[in-house]
Amino acid sequence: MDYVSALVPPVVMAVFFIGVIRVIVKTQGGANKAKEDAAVDAALARVEGTQQASARGDA
């Protein structure tokens, strides 16, 4: 029975890991992809704008 108790944690972690990967794969793309892409683009634009403004202020 020691082998069963030794195998249970890795099996549980493997099942959990597979579940996480499946959720990640399923949430890629789809109807929300355009919204998520727009949010990322807006965040990047804000960061780039801030960096450019601070660079102009330092020069």
C-alpha atoms as a PDB file:
ATOM      1  CA  MET A   1       0.000   0.000   0.000  1.00  0.00           C
ATOM      2  CA  ASP A   2       2.982   2.327   0.302  1.00  0.00           C
ATOM      3  CA  TYR A   3       3.207   2.513  -3.486  1.00  0.00           C
ATOM      4  CA  VAL A   4      -0.387   3.791  -3.653  1.00  0.00           C
ATOM      5  CA  SER A   5       0.302   6.595  -1.200  1.00  0.00           C
ATOM      6  CA  ALA A   6       3.499   7.408  -3.113  1.00  0.00           C
ATOM      7  CA  LEU A   7       1.678   7.637  -6.450  1.00  0.00           C
ATOM      8  CA  VAL A   8      -1.386   9.619  -5.369  1.00  0.00           C
ATOM      9  CA  PRO A   9       0.241  13.114  -5.123  1.00  0.00           C
ATOM     10  CA  PRO A  10       1.887  12.970  -8.581  1.00  0.00           C
ATOM     11  CA  VAL A  11      -1.304  11.681 -10.164  1.00  0.00           C
ATOM     12  CA  VAL A  12      -3.377  14.412  -8.526  1.00  0.00           C
ATOM     13  CA  MET A  13      -0.905  17.060  -9.670  1.00  0.00           C
ATOM     14  CA  ALA A  14      -0.889  15.649 -13.213  1.00  0.00           C
ATOM     15  CA  VAL A  15      -4.687  15.757 -13.386  1.00  0.00           C
ATOM     16  CA  PHE A  16      -4.680  19.336 -12.059  1.00  0.00           C
ATOM     17  CA  PHE A  17      -1.996  20.365 -14.565  1.00  0.00           C
ATOM     18  CA  ILE A  18      -3.918  18.837 -17.476  1.00  0.00           C
ATOM     19  CA  GLY A  19      -7.039  20.689 -16.322  1.00  0.00           C
ATOM     20  CA  VAL A  20      -5.180  24.002 -16.193  1.00  0.00           C
ATOM     21  CA  ILE A  21      -3.740  23.467 -19.674  1.00  0.00           C
ATOM     22  CA  ARG A  22      -7.191  22.621 -21.047  1.00  0.00           C
ATOM     23  CA  VAL A  23      -8.666  25.822 -19.573  1.00  0.00           C
ATOM     24  CA  ILE A  24      -5.832  27.892 -21.022  1.00  0.00           C
ATOM     25  CA  VAL A  25      -6.254  26.355 -24.472  1.00  0.00           C
ATOM     26  CA  LYS A  26     -10.043  26.747 -24.433  1.00  0.00           C
ATOM     27  CA  THR A  27      -9.889  30.418 -23.451  1.00  0.00           C
ATOM     28  CA  GLN A  28      -7.509  31.326 -26.266  1.00  0.00           C
ATOM     29  CA  GLY A  29      -9.295  33.030 -29.121  1.00  0.00           C
ATOM     30  CA  GLY A  30     -13.050  32.967 -29.358  1.00  0.00           C
ATOM     31  CA  ALA A  31     -15.470  35.822 -28.923  1.00  0.00           C
ATOM     32  CA  ASN A  32     -13.407  37.656 -26.313  1.00  0.00           C
ATOM     33  CA  LYS A  33     -10.163  37.604 -28.284  1.00  0.00           C
ATOM     34  CA  ALA A  34     -10.740  40.998 -29.914  1.00  0.00           C
ATOM     35  CA  LYS A  35     -11.628  42.573 -26.553  1.00  0.00           C
ATOM     36  CA  GLU A  36      -8.566  41.091 -24.862  1.00  0.00           C
ATOM     37  CA  ASP A  37      -6.299  42.168 -27.718  1.00  0.00           C
ATOM     38  CA  ALA A  38      -7.693  45.701 -27.570  1.00  0.00           C
ATOM     39  CA  ALA A  39      -7.126  45.878 -23.817  1.00  0.00           C
ATOM     40  CA  VAL A  40      -3.514  44.746 -24.206  1.00  0.00           C
ATOM     41  CA  ASP A  41      -2.916  47.184 -27.055  1.00  0.00           C
ATOM     42  CA  ALA A  42      -4.342  50.047 -24.979  1.00  0.00           C
ATOM     43  CA  ALA A  43      -2.155  49.151 -21.998  1.00  0.00           C
ATOM     44  CA  LEU A  44       0.951  48.974 -24.178  1.00  0.00           C
ATOM     45  CA  ALA A  45       0.105  52.313 -25.791  1.00  0.00           C
ATOM     46  CA  ARG A  46      -0.231  53.916 -22.346  1.00  0.00           C
ATOM     47  CA  VAL A  47       3.142  52.548 -21.242  1.00  0.00           C
ATOM     48  CA  GLU A  48       4.850  53.647 -24.445  1.00  0.00           C
ATOM     49  CA  GLY A  49       3.267  57.090 -24.199  1.00  0.00           C
ATOM     50  CA  THR A  50       4.467  57.488 -20.630  1.00  0.00           C
ATOM     51  CA  GLN A  51       7.988  56.416 -21.557  1.00  0.00           C
ATOM     52  CA  GLN A  52       8.121  58.835 -24.482  1.00  0.00           C
ATOM     53  CA  ALA A  53       6.783  61.705 -22.370  1.00  0.00           C
ATOM     54  CA  SER A  54       9.361  61.089 -19.643  1.00  0.00           C
ATOM     55  CA  ALA A  55      12.140  60.830 -22.244  1.00  0.00           C
ATOM     56  CA  ARG A  56      11.140  64.204 -23.724  1.00  0.00           C
ATOM     57  CA  GLY A  57      11.051  65.766 -20.262  1.00  0.00           C
ATOM     58  CA  ASP A  58      14.552  64.559 -19.400  1.00  0.00           C
ATOM     59  CA  ALA A  59      16.192  65.812 -22.611  1.00  0.00           C
END
